[in-house]
Amino acid sequence: MSDNLLLAVVMSVVGTAVGMVINRFLKERKNYFDDFDKLLCYYGANLAYSRNTVPEFLKTFETQSHLLKKQIESIVKSLSGKSDFPSGFLSKKECAYAKEVFTSIGTHSLIAEKAFIEDSRSKLKSFRDIADSRYTKLGSSSIKLGFLFGLMLAVIFW
């Protein structure tokens, strides 16, 4: 009897832990796209006012997304040499979009660069909306569902 109770507790804890990992993954995606939009917005403001070079701007940009930090470091390194672009949890389409934006920043005239930033932000909006809706729908419920799935397994194995 105590073994079955211990199994129920362990299964519940494992299910909850899996739910927390899924929640963190969804939150990272949401934060990535929010910070990417912030980067494009700040870059547009940089074009209008301070006009720092792209490497200077990227080095000073603060982000909480670990993947975006790695991508920014990769782009700054690639300006001086060759570096591979980390994709992390992004899909192939999202990674290709991010790489395209980063490699195109700073290659246009001022007016074309502003138009490029606005176009990039409008394309980014669809990725942001998807990540936000997935986090909203599944983020908080993934922990609860993980716990319930653990309890269900415990009942099955009881």
Protein backbone atom coordinates (compact mmCIF):
# COMPACT_ATOMS: atom_id res chain seq x y z
CA MET A 1 0.00 0.00 0.00
CA SER A 2 2.75 2.48 0.90
CA ASP A 3 4.58 1.57 -2.31
CA ASN A 4 1.50 2.48 -4.31
CA LEU A 5 1.15 5.76 -2.45
CA LEU A 6 4.82 6.54 -3.07
CA LEU A 7 4.33 5.69 -6.75
CA ALA A 8 1.34 8.05 -6.91
CA VAL A 9 3.35 10.89 -5.37
CA VAL A 10 6.36 10.26 -7.64
CA MET A 11 4.17 10.11 -10.77
CA SER A 12 2.43 13.35 -9.77
CA VAL A 13 5.75 15.09 -9.18
CA VAL A 14 7.17 13.85 -12.49
CA GLY A 15 4.03 14.92 -14.34
CA THR A 16 4.17 18.35 -12.73
CA ALA A 17 7.87 18.69 -13.61
CA VAL A 18 7.14 17.83 -17.25
CA GLY A 19 4.37 20.43 -17.25
CA MET A 20 6.75 23.03 -15.83
CA VAL A 21 9.32 22.27 -18.55
CA ILE A 22 6.65 22.71 -21.24
CA ASN A 23 5.53 25.95 -19.60
CA ARG A 24 9.10 27.27 -19.56
CA PHE A 25 9.61 26.33 -23.21
CA LEU A 26 6.45 28.18 -24.26
CA LYS A 27 7.40 31.20 -22.16
CA GLU A 28 10.90 31.29 -23.72
CA ARG A 29 9.36 31.35 -27.21
CA LYS A 30 7.02 34.17 -26.23
CA ASN A 31 9.84 36.18 -24.63
CA TYR A 32 12.08 35.59 -27.66
CA PHE A 33 9.57 37.07 -30.09
CA ASP A 34 8.73 39.95 -27.72
CA ASP A 35 12.42 40.82 -27.38
CA PHE A 36 13.00 40.42 -31.13
CA ASP A 37 10.21 42.93 -31.76
CA LYS A 38 11.75 45.25 -29.15
CA LEU A 39 15.11 44.94 -30.94
CA LEU A 40 13.56 45.94 -34.27
CA CYS A 41 11.68 48.81 -32.64
CA TYR A 42 14.84 50.10 -30.93
CA TYR A 43 16.82 49.70 -34.13
CA GLY A 44 14.26 51.85 -35.95
CA ALA A 45 14.64 54.49 -33.24
CA ASN A 46 18.42 54.14 -33.51
CA LEU A 47 18.18 54.92 -37.22
CA ALA A 48 16.20 58.06 -36.53
CA TYR A 49 18.24 59.46 -33.64
CA SER A 50 21.60 58.10 -32.54
CA ARG A 51 22.62 56.26 -35.75
CA ASN A 52 25.05 53.87 -34.09
CA THR A 53 26.61 51.26 -36.31
CA VAL A 54 24.94 47.84 -36.36
CA PRO A 55 27.66 46.14 -34.25
CA GLU A 56 27.57 48.96 -31.69
CA PHE A 57 23.79 48.80 -31.51
CA LEU A 58 23.69 45.01 -31.20
CA LYS A 59 26.38 44.97 -28.49
CA THR A 60 24.46 47.47 -26.37
CA PHE A 61 21.01 45.89 -26.81
CA GLU A 62 19.75 44.27 -23.59
CA THR A 63 17.59 41.16 -23.88
CA GLN A 64 16.31 38.54 -21.45
CA SER A 65 16.03 35.83 -24.10
CA HIS A 66 19.08 33.54 -23.99
CA LEU A 67 18.62 32.45 -27.60
CA LEU A 68 18.41 36.05 -28.84
CA LYS A 69 21.61 36.85 -26.91
CA LYS A 70 23.37 33.93 -28.62
CA GLN A 71 22.07 35.02 -32.02
CA ILE A 72 23.20 38.61 -31.48
CA GLU A 73 26.66 37.40 -30.41
CA SER A 74 26.80 35.17 -33.48
CA ILE A 75 25.88 38.05 -35.80
CA VAL A 76 28.44 40.37 -34.21
CA LYS A 77 31.10 37.65 -34.64
CA SER A 78 30.05 36.99 -38.22
CA LEU A 79 30.62 40.63 -39.11
CA SER A 80 34.30 40.04 -38.44
CA GLY A 81 34.46 36.41 -39.56
CA LYS A 82 32.35 33.31 -40.06
CA SER A 83 30.00 32.04 -37.37
CA ASP A 84 27.04 29.67 -37.39
CA PHE A 85 23.61 30.92 -36.42
CA PRO A 86 22.02 29.20 -33.38
CA SER A 87 18.42 28.11 -33.95
CA GLY A 88 17.57 26.82 -30.48
CA PHE A 89 13.85 26.13 -30.15
CA LEU A 90 12.85 27.95 -33.35
CA SER A 91 11.30 26.15 -36.29
CA LYS A 92 13.15 26.19 -39.62
CA LYS A 93 10.87 28.92 -40.93
CA GLU A 94 11.33 31.09 -37.82
CA CYS A 95 15.08 30.57 -37.84
CA ALA A 96 15.32 31.46 -41.53
CA TYR A 97 13.32 34.62 -40.86
CA ALA A 98 15.53 35.64 -37.92
CA LYS A 99 18.70 34.96 -39.89
CA GLU A 100 17.38 36.95 -42.85
CA VAL A 101 16.56 39.92 -40.63
CA PHE A 102 19.91 39.87 -38.84
CA THR A 103 21.93 39.55 -42.05
CA SER A 104 19.94 42.31 -43.75
CA ILE A 105 20.17 44.87 -40.96
CA GLY A 106 22.41 47.76 -41.94
CA THR A 107 22.63 46.89 -45.64
CA HIS A 108 20.12 49.45 -46.98
CA SER A 109 19.91 53.21 -47.25
CA LEU A 110 18.29 55.05 -44.35
CA ILE A 111 14.83 55.24 -45.92
CA ALA A 112 14.96 51.65 -47.17
CA GLU A 113 16.21 50.50 -43.76
CA LYS A 114 13.23 52.09 -42.01
CA ALA A 115 10.86 50.41 -44.49
CA PHE A 116 12.69 47.12 -43.98
CA ILE A 117 12.31 47.39 -40.20
CA GLU A 118 8.57 48.08 -40.50
CA ASP A 119 8.15 45.17 -42.92
CA SER A 120 10.15 42.89 -40.62
CA ARG A 121 8.04 43.88 -37.63
CA SER A 122 4.83 43.14 -39.55
CA LYS A 123 6.15 39.67 -40.48
CA LEU A 124 7.31 39.13 -36.91
CA LYS A 125 3.81 39.91 -35.66
CA SER A 126 2.49 36.58 -36.96
CA PHE A 127 5.25 34.64 -35.15
CA ARG A 128 4.62 36.66 -31.99
CA ASP A 129 0.89 36.07 -32.13
CA ILE A 130 1.34 32.31 -32.51
CA ALA A 131 3.83 32.13 -29.63
CA ASP A 132 1.63 34.33 -27.45
CA SER A 133 -1.53 32.32 -28.14
CA ARG A 134 0.27 29.01 -27.47
CA TYR A 135 1.64 30.35 -24.19
CA THR A 136 -1.75 31.75 -23.19
CA LYS A 137 -3.59 28.53 -24.03
CA LEU A 138 -1.05 25.93 -22.95
CA GLY A 139 1.38 27.67 -20.61
CA SER A 140 -0.47 27.64 -17.32
CA SER A 141 -2.53 24.59 -18.13
CA SER A 142 0.55 22.47 -18.97
CA ILE A 143 1.54 22.31 -15.29
CA LYS A 144 -1.98 21.29 -14.26
CA LEU A 145 -2.24 18.76 -17.07
CA GLY A 146 1.16 17.31 -16.16
CA PHE A 147 0.04 16.87 -12.57
CA LEU A 148 -3.23 15.25 -13.65
CA PHE A 149 -1.40 12.99 -16.11
CA GLY A 150 0.91 11.88 -13.29
CA LEU A 151 -2.10 11.13 -11.09
CA MET A 152 -3.75 9.22 -13.93
CA LEU A 153 -0.64 7.07 -14.38
CA ALA A 154 -0.55 6.47 -10.64
CA VAL A 155 -4.16 5.31 -10.66
CA ILE A 156 -3.50 3.04 -13.65
CA PHE A 157 -0.50 1.43 -11.97
CA TRP A 158 -2.16 1.22 -8.54
